[in-house]
N, C-alpha and C. Protein backbone atom coordinates (compact mmCIF):
# COMPACT_ATOMS: atom_id res chain seq x y z
N UNK A 1 -25.71 14.98 16.09
CA UNK A 1 -24.91 13.76 16.02
C UNK A 1 -25.21 13.02 14.72
N UNK A 2 -24.18 12.49 14.11
CA UNK A 2 -24.35 11.78 12.85
C UNK A 2 -25.06 10.46 13.10
N UNK A 3 -25.86 10.07 12.13
CA UNK A 3 -26.51 8.77 12.28
C UNK A 3 -25.57 7.65 11.82
N UNK A 4 -25.89 6.44 12.19
CA UNK A 4 -25.04 5.28 11.92
C UNK A 4 -24.80 5.09 10.43
N UNK A 5 -25.82 5.28 9.60
CA UNK A 5 -25.65 5.10 8.16
C UNK A 5 -24.64 6.08 7.58
N UNK A 6 -24.67 7.31 8.06
CA UNK A 6 -23.70 8.30 7.58
C UNK A 6 -22.29 7.93 8.03
N UNK A 7 -22.15 7.44 9.26
CA UNK A 7 -20.83 7.01 9.75
C UNK A 7 -20.30 5.85 8.91
N UNK A 8 -21.17 4.90 8.59
CA UNK A 8 -20.77 3.76 7.76
C UNK A 8 -20.34 4.24 6.38
N UNK A 9 -21.10 5.17 5.79
CA UNK A 9 -20.76 5.69 4.47
C UNK A 9 -19.39 6.39 4.49
N UNK A 10 -19.11 7.14 5.55
CA UNK A 10 -17.82 7.81 5.67
C UNK A 10 -16.68 6.79 5.80
N UNK A 11 -16.94 5.70 6.51
CA UNK A 11 -15.93 4.65 6.64
C UNK A 11 -15.68 3.97 5.29
N UNK A 12 -16.74 3.75 4.52
CA UNK A 12 -16.60 3.16 3.19
C UNK A 12 -15.79 4.08 2.28
N UNK A 13 -16.07 5.36 2.34
CA UNK A 13 -15.32 6.32 1.54
C UNK A 13 -13.85 6.35 1.95
N UNK A 14 -13.58 6.26 3.25
CA UNK A 14 -12.20 6.22 3.73
C UNK A 14 -11.51 4.94 3.25
N UNK A 15 -12.25 3.83 3.21
CA UNK A 15 -11.69 2.57 2.69
C UNK A 15 -11.35 2.72 1.22
N UNK A 16 -12.25 3.33 0.46
CA UNK A 16 -12.00 3.54 -0.97
C UNK A 16 -10.75 4.38 -1.20
N UNK A 17 -10.59 5.43 -0.39
CA UNK A 17 -9.42 6.31 -0.51
C UNK A 17 -8.14 5.52 -0.20
N UNK A 18 -8.16 4.73 0.85
CA UNK A 18 -6.99 3.92 1.21
C UNK A 18 -6.68 2.92 0.10
N UNK A 19 -7.71 2.28 -0.43
CA UNK A 19 -7.51 1.29 -1.50
C UNK A 19 -6.93 1.93 -2.75
N UNK A 20 -7.33 3.15 -3.06
CA UNK A 20 -6.77 3.86 -4.21
C UNK A 20 -5.25 3.96 -4.09
N UNK A 21 -4.78 4.39 -2.91
CA UNK A 21 -3.34 4.55 -2.72
C UNK A 21 -2.63 3.21 -2.58
N UNK A 22 -3.25 2.24 -1.95
CA UNK A 22 -2.64 0.92 -1.84
C UNK A 22 -2.49 0.28 -3.22
N UNK A 23 -3.52 0.40 -4.04
CA UNK A 23 -3.44 -0.16 -5.40
C UNK A 23 -2.37 0.54 -6.23
N UNK A 24 -2.28 1.87 -6.10
CA UNK A 24 -1.25 2.61 -6.84
C UNK A 24 0.15 2.20 -6.36
N UNK A 25 0.30 2.02 -5.05
CA UNK A 25 1.59 1.58 -4.52
C UNK A 25 1.92 0.19 -5.03
N UNK A 26 0.94 -0.69 -5.04
CA UNK A 26 1.16 -2.04 -5.54
C UNK A 26 1.60 -2.04 -6.99
N UNK A 27 0.97 -1.21 -7.80
CA UNK A 27 1.33 -1.12 -9.22
C UNK A 27 2.75 -0.58 -9.39
N UNK A 28 3.11 0.45 -8.63
CA UNK A 28 4.47 0.99 -8.72
C UNK A 28 5.49 -0.03 -8.26
N UNK A 29 5.17 -0.80 -7.22
CA UNK A 29 6.08 -1.84 -6.75
C UNK A 29 6.24 -2.95 -7.80
N UNK A 30 5.14 -3.30 -8.44
CA UNK A 30 5.21 -4.32 -9.49
C UNK A 30 6.14 -3.86 -10.60
N UNK A 31 5.97 -2.61 -11.01
CA UNK A 31 6.83 -2.06 -12.07
C UNK A 31 8.28 -1.98 -11.61
N UNK A 32 8.51 -1.56 -10.37
CA UNK A 32 9.88 -1.50 -9.85
C UNK A 32 10.49 -2.89 -9.84
N UNK A 33 9.71 -3.87 -9.45
CA UNK A 33 10.21 -5.24 -9.45
C UNK A 33 10.58 -5.72 -10.83
N UNK A 34 9.75 -5.41 -11.80
CA UNK A 34 10.06 -5.80 -13.18
C UNK A 34 11.34 -5.14 -13.67
N UNK A 35 11.50 -3.85 -13.37
CA UNK A 35 12.71 -3.16 -13.77
C UNK A 35 13.90 -3.66 -12.97
N UNK A 36 13.65 -4.10 -11.74
CA UNK A 36 14.72 -4.67 -10.93
C UNK A 36 15.26 -5.95 -11.53
N UNK A 37 14.38 -6.75 -12.11
CA UNK A 37 14.84 -7.98 -12.78
C UNK A 37 15.71 -7.61 -13.97
N UNK A 38 15.27 -6.63 -14.74
CA UNK A 38 16.08 -6.17 -15.88
C UNK A 38 17.43 -5.67 -15.39
N UNK A 39 17.42 -4.97 -14.26
CA UNK A 39 18.65 -4.44 -13.68
C UNK A 39 19.59 -5.58 -13.28
N UNK A 40 19.03 -6.62 -12.66
CA UNK A 40 19.85 -7.77 -12.27
C UNK A 40 20.46 -8.48 -13.47
N UNK A 41 19.74 -8.44 -14.58
CA UNK A 41 20.21 -9.11 -15.79
C UNK A 41 21.15 -8.23 -16.62
N UNK A 42 21.60 -7.13 -16.02
CA UNK A 42 22.58 -6.28 -16.70
C UNK A 42 21.96 -5.16 -17.50
N UNK A 43 20.82 -4.68 -17.06
CA UNK A 43 20.11 -3.64 -17.79
C UNK A 43 20.83 -2.30 -17.84
N UNK A 44 21.73 -2.05 -16.92
CA UNK A 44 22.50 -0.82 -16.96
C UNK A 44 21.80 0.37 -16.32
N UNK A 45 22.32 1.54 -16.64
CA UNK A 45 21.88 2.78 -16.02
C UNK A 45 20.39 3.05 -16.20
N UNK A 46 19.89 2.83 -17.40
CA UNK A 46 18.49 3.16 -17.68
C UNK A 46 17.55 2.32 -16.82
N UNK A 47 17.78 1.02 -16.75
CA UNK A 47 16.90 0.18 -15.94
C UNK A 47 17.02 0.53 -14.45
N UNK A 48 18.23 0.85 -14.00
CA UNK A 48 18.43 1.27 -12.60
C UNK A 48 17.67 2.56 -12.34
N UNK A 49 17.77 3.51 -13.25
CA UNK A 49 17.09 4.80 -13.10
C UNK A 49 15.57 4.61 -13.05
N UNK A 50 15.03 3.85 -13.96
CA UNK A 50 13.58 3.64 -14.00
C UNK A 50 13.12 2.88 -12.76
N UNK A 51 13.88 1.87 -12.35
CA UNK A 51 13.54 1.11 -11.14
C UNK A 51 13.45 2.05 -9.94
N UNK A 52 14.44 2.91 -9.78
CA UNK A 52 14.44 3.84 -8.65
C UNK A 52 13.30 4.85 -8.74
N UNK A 53 12.96 5.29 -9.94
CA UNK A 53 11.81 6.17 -10.10
C UNK A 53 10.53 5.48 -9.66
N UNK A 54 10.37 4.22 -10.05
CA UNK A 54 9.18 3.45 -9.64
C UNK A 54 9.17 3.24 -8.13
N UNK A 55 10.35 3.03 -7.54
CA UNK A 55 10.43 2.88 -6.09
C UNK A 55 10.05 4.18 -5.40
N UNK A 56 10.46 5.31 -5.96
CA UNK A 56 10.08 6.61 -5.40
C UNK A 56 8.57 6.81 -5.48
N UNK A 57 7.99 6.44 -6.63
CA UNK A 57 6.53 6.53 -6.76
C UNK A 57 5.85 5.66 -5.71
N UNK A 58 6.34 4.45 -5.54
CA UNK A 58 5.75 3.54 -4.55
C UNK A 58 5.87 4.12 -3.15
N UNK A 59 7.03 4.68 -2.83
CA UNK A 59 7.24 5.26 -1.50
C UNK A 59 6.26 6.39 -1.25
N UNK A 60 6.03 7.23 -2.26
CA UNK A 60 5.06 8.33 -2.11
C UNK A 60 3.65 7.79 -1.90
N UNK A 61 3.28 6.79 -2.69
CA UNK A 61 1.94 6.21 -2.54
C UNK A 61 1.79 5.49 -1.20
N UNK A 62 2.86 4.86 -0.73
CA UNK A 62 2.80 4.19 0.57
C UNK A 62 2.60 5.21 1.69
N UNK A 63 3.24 6.36 1.58
CA UNK A 63 3.05 7.41 2.58
C UNK A 63 1.60 7.90 2.55
N UNK A 64 1.06 8.10 1.36
CA UNK A 64 -0.34 8.52 1.24
C UNK A 64 -1.28 7.42 1.74
N UNK A 65 -0.93 6.17 1.48
CA UNK A 65 -1.73 5.05 1.95
C UNK A 65 -1.75 5.01 3.47
N UNK A 66 -0.60 5.25 4.10
CA UNK A 66 -0.55 5.26 5.56
C UNK A 66 -1.46 6.34 6.14
N UNK A 67 -1.43 7.53 5.54
CA UNK A 67 -2.32 8.61 5.99
C UNK A 67 -3.78 8.19 5.81
N UNK A 68 -4.09 7.61 4.67
CA UNK A 68 -5.46 7.18 4.39
C UNK A 68 -5.89 6.06 5.33
N UNK A 69 -4.97 5.16 5.67
CA UNK A 69 -5.30 4.08 6.60
C UNK A 69 -5.54 4.62 8.00
N UNK A 70 -4.80 5.64 8.39
CA UNK A 70 -5.05 6.27 9.71
C UNK A 70 -6.46 6.88 9.74
N UNK A 71 -6.82 7.56 8.67
CA UNK A 71 -8.16 8.14 8.59
C UNK A 71 -9.22 7.04 8.61
N UNK A 72 -8.97 5.98 7.86
CA UNK A 72 -9.88 4.84 7.81
C UNK A 72 -10.06 4.23 9.21
N UNK A 73 -8.95 4.08 9.94
CA UNK A 73 -9.03 3.54 11.30
C UNK A 73 -9.91 4.42 12.18
N UNK A 74 -9.78 5.74 12.03
CA UNK A 74 -10.62 6.65 12.79
C UNK A 74 -12.09 6.53 12.43
N UNK A 75 -12.36 6.42 11.14
CA UNK A 75 -13.75 6.26 10.70
C UNK A 75 -14.34 4.93 11.18
N UNK A 76 -13.50 3.90 11.19
CA UNK A 76 -13.97 2.60 11.67
C UNK A 76 -14.35 2.65 13.14
N UNK A 77 -13.57 3.39 13.92
CA UNK A 77 -13.91 3.49 15.35
C UNK A 77 -15.25 4.17 15.55
N UNK A 78 -15.64 5.04 14.63
CA UNK A 78 -16.95 5.72 14.71
C UNK A 78 -18.11 4.74 14.54
N UNK A 79 -17.85 3.61 13.88
CA UNK A 79 -18.92 2.63 13.67
C UNK A 79 -18.69 1.36 14.50
N UNK A 80 -17.74 1.44 15.44
CA UNK A 80 -17.51 0.31 16.33
C UNK A 80 -16.71 -0.83 15.73
N UNK A 81 -15.98 -0.55 14.65
CA UNK A 81 -15.11 -1.56 14.02
C UNK A 81 -13.66 -1.18 14.30
N UNK A 82 -12.78 -2.13 14.10
CA UNK A 82 -11.36 -1.84 14.26
C UNK A 82 -10.59 -2.35 13.06
N UNK A 83 -9.48 -1.71 12.81
CA UNK A 83 -8.55 -2.15 11.78
C UNK A 83 -7.70 -3.23 12.42
N UNK A 84 -7.57 -4.38 11.79
CA UNK A 84 -6.90 -5.50 12.43
C UNK A 84 -5.40 -5.53 12.17
N UNK A 85 -4.78 -4.37 12.00
CA UNK A 85 -3.33 -4.25 11.93
C UNK A 85 -2.95 -2.84 12.34
N UNK A 86 -1.70 -2.66 12.76
CA UNK A 86 -1.21 -1.36 13.18
C UNK A 86 -0.69 -0.59 11.98
N UNK A 87 -1.29 0.54 11.71
CA UNK A 87 -0.92 1.34 10.55
C UNK A 87 0.53 1.80 10.63
N UNK A 88 0.98 2.22 11.80
CA UNK A 88 2.34 2.74 11.93
C UNK A 88 3.40 1.67 11.70
N UNK A 89 3.07 0.43 12.00
CA UNK A 89 4.03 -0.66 11.80
C UNK A 89 3.93 -1.25 10.40
N UNK A 90 2.93 -0.82 9.68
CA UNK A 90 2.60 -1.42 8.40
C UNK A 90 3.33 -0.72 7.26
N UNK A 91 3.60 -1.46 6.23
CA UNK A 91 4.21 -0.92 5.00
C UNK A 91 5.58 -0.30 5.23
N UNK A 92 6.38 -0.90 6.10
CA UNK A 92 7.74 -0.40 6.25
C UNK A 92 8.53 -0.82 5.01
N UNK A 93 9.17 0.16 4.42
CA UNK A 93 9.84 -0.10 3.15
C UNK A 93 11.26 0.47 3.23
N UNK A 94 12.25 -0.40 3.33
CA UNK A 94 13.64 0.02 3.49
C UNK A 94 14.21 0.59 2.19
N UNK A 95 15.15 1.51 2.33
CA UNK A 95 15.80 2.13 1.17
C UNK A 95 17.15 1.47 0.92
N UNK A 96 17.33 0.98 -0.29
CA UNK A 96 18.61 0.44 -0.71
C UNK A 96 18.97 1.12 -2.03
N UNK A 97 20.03 1.93 -1.99
CA UNK A 97 20.44 2.63 -3.19
C UNK A 97 21.92 2.39 -3.49
N UNK A 98 22.29 1.13 -3.51
CA UNK A 98 23.66 0.76 -3.81
C UNK A 98 23.69 0.03 -5.13
N UNK A 99 24.85 0.04 -5.76
CA UNK A 99 25.03 -0.72 -6.99
C UNK A 99 25.65 -2.06 -6.65
N UNK A 100 25.58 -2.96 -7.58
CA UNK A 100 26.18 -4.27 -7.39
C UNK A 100 25.11 -5.34 -7.29
N UNK A 101 25.48 -6.56 -7.57
CA UNK A 101 24.54 -7.67 -7.62
C UNK A 101 23.87 -7.92 -6.28
N UNK A 102 24.63 -7.93 -5.17
CA UNK A 102 24.04 -8.20 -3.86
C UNK A 102 23.02 -7.14 -3.49
N UNK A 103 23.39 -5.87 -3.67
CA UNK A 103 22.47 -4.79 -3.33
C UNK A 103 21.23 -4.83 -4.22
N UNK A 104 21.42 -5.11 -5.50
CA UNK A 104 20.27 -5.20 -6.40
C UNK A 104 19.34 -6.34 -5.98
N UNK A 105 19.92 -7.45 -5.54
CA UNK A 105 19.12 -8.57 -5.07
C UNK A 105 18.34 -8.17 -3.82
N UNK A 106 18.98 -7.40 -2.91
CA UNK A 106 18.29 -6.95 -1.70
C UNK A 106 17.14 -6.00 -2.05
N UNK A 107 17.37 -5.11 -3.00
CA UNK A 107 16.30 -4.21 -3.44
C UNK A 107 15.13 -5.04 -3.97
N UNK A 108 15.45 -6.02 -4.79
CA UNK A 108 14.41 -6.87 -5.38
C UNK A 108 13.63 -7.59 -4.28
N UNK A 109 14.34 -8.08 -3.28
CA UNK A 109 13.69 -8.76 -2.15
C UNK A 109 12.76 -7.80 -1.41
N UNK A 110 13.22 -6.59 -1.15
CA UNK A 110 12.41 -5.59 -0.44
C UNK A 110 11.19 -5.19 -1.26
N UNK A 111 11.36 -5.07 -2.55
CA UNK A 111 10.23 -4.74 -3.42
C UNK A 111 9.17 -5.83 -3.29
N UNK A 112 9.59 -7.08 -3.37
CA UNK A 112 8.64 -8.21 -3.29
C UNK A 112 7.97 -8.27 -1.92
N UNK A 113 8.74 -7.99 -0.85
CA UNK A 113 8.14 -7.96 0.49
C UNK A 113 7.09 -6.86 0.60
N UNK A 114 7.42 -5.69 0.08
CA UNK A 114 6.48 -4.57 0.12
C UNK A 114 5.24 -4.88 -0.70
N UNK A 115 5.42 -5.53 -1.87
CA UNK A 115 4.26 -5.94 -2.67
C UNK A 115 3.35 -6.85 -1.86
N UNK A 116 3.93 -7.77 -1.12
CA UNK A 116 3.14 -8.68 -0.29
C UNK A 116 2.40 -7.94 0.80
N UNK A 117 3.05 -6.96 1.43
CA UNK A 117 2.40 -6.17 2.47
C UNK A 117 1.24 -5.35 1.89
N UNK A 118 1.45 -4.78 0.73
CA UNK A 118 0.39 -3.99 0.08
C UNK A 118 -0.78 -4.90 -0.27
N UNK A 119 -0.49 -6.06 -0.83
CA UNK A 119 -1.57 -7.00 -1.18
C UNK A 119 -2.34 -7.41 0.07
N UNK A 120 -1.65 -7.64 1.17
CA UNK A 120 -2.32 -8.00 2.42
C UNK A 120 -3.21 -6.86 2.90
N UNK A 121 -2.71 -5.63 2.83
CA UNK A 121 -3.51 -4.48 3.25
C UNK A 121 -4.74 -4.31 2.37
N UNK A 122 -4.57 -4.49 1.07
CA UNK A 122 -5.72 -4.39 0.15
C UNK A 122 -6.76 -5.43 0.54
N UNK A 123 -6.34 -6.65 0.81
CA UNK A 123 -7.28 -7.69 1.21
C UNK A 123 -8.01 -7.36 2.49
N UNK A 124 -7.29 -6.88 3.48
CA UNK A 124 -7.92 -6.55 4.77
C UNK A 124 -8.88 -5.38 4.64
N UNK A 125 -8.46 -4.32 3.95
CA UNK A 125 -9.34 -3.16 3.78
C UNK A 125 -10.57 -3.56 2.97
N UNK A 126 -10.38 -4.37 1.94
CA UNK A 126 -11.51 -4.82 1.12
C UNK A 126 -12.49 -5.64 1.96
N UNK A 127 -11.98 -6.52 2.82
CA UNK A 127 -12.85 -7.31 3.69
C UNK A 127 -13.65 -6.43 4.64
N UNK A 128 -12.97 -5.47 5.26
CA UNK A 128 -13.66 -4.56 6.19
C UNK A 128 -14.68 -3.73 5.44
N UNK A 129 -14.32 -3.28 4.25
CA UNK A 129 -15.26 -2.49 3.43
C UNK A 129 -16.50 -3.31 3.12
N UNK A 130 -16.33 -4.59 2.81
CA UNK A 130 -17.48 -5.46 2.53
C UNK A 130 -18.37 -5.58 3.76
N UNK A 131 -17.76 -5.70 4.95
CA UNK A 131 -18.56 -5.74 6.18
C UNK A 131 -19.33 -4.45 6.37
N UNK A 132 -18.68 -3.33 6.05
CA UNK A 132 -19.37 -2.03 6.19
C UNK A 132 -20.55 -1.95 5.23
N UNK A 133 -20.34 -2.42 4.00
CA UNK A 133 -21.44 -2.41 3.04
C UNK A 133 -22.61 -3.26 3.53
N UNK A 134 -22.31 -4.39 4.15
CA UNK A 134 -23.40 -5.22 4.67
C UNK A 134 -24.10 -4.54 5.84
N UNK A 135 -23.37 -3.77 6.64
CA UNK A 135 -23.99 -3.01 7.73
C UNK A 135 -24.91 -1.93 7.18
N UNK A 136 -24.49 -1.36 6.06
CA UNK A 136 -25.27 -0.29 5.45
C UNK A 136 -26.53 -0.85 4.78
N UNK A 137 -26.49 -2.13 4.49
CA UNK A 137 -27.65 -2.75 3.86
C UNK A 137 -27.62 -2.72 2.36
N UNK A 138 -26.42 -2.63 1.78
CA UNK A 138 -26.29 -2.61 0.32
C UNK A 138 -25.89 -3.96 -0.17
């Protein structure tokens, strides 16, 4: 049977893995949002294309983050901690691929909402990671 210190270390590593993907998703969302503003201001095909590429990157990182958060939740249960949000309900990111001012505004709104969700997840995982480090005695 694994000792408590090893379980804590595994939970910290799982937190680090989740934070890597959450931070990458946040960065892609930030970039998509910036390109979305350019798109709203009449940036044309290139800004639309780049915005959608950044959204695709964010979507991929969000999927990886969800997997990492599930693993993190499992590792936390090994040390008697819980994740204070539901991973499956978290980071829902709607797809909007229409042209026009209204649709672009909706995309921009969804990007900003997803950025907020990612920032919240980063804060929660970071807080739990800090608790784990204190349990480990570091």
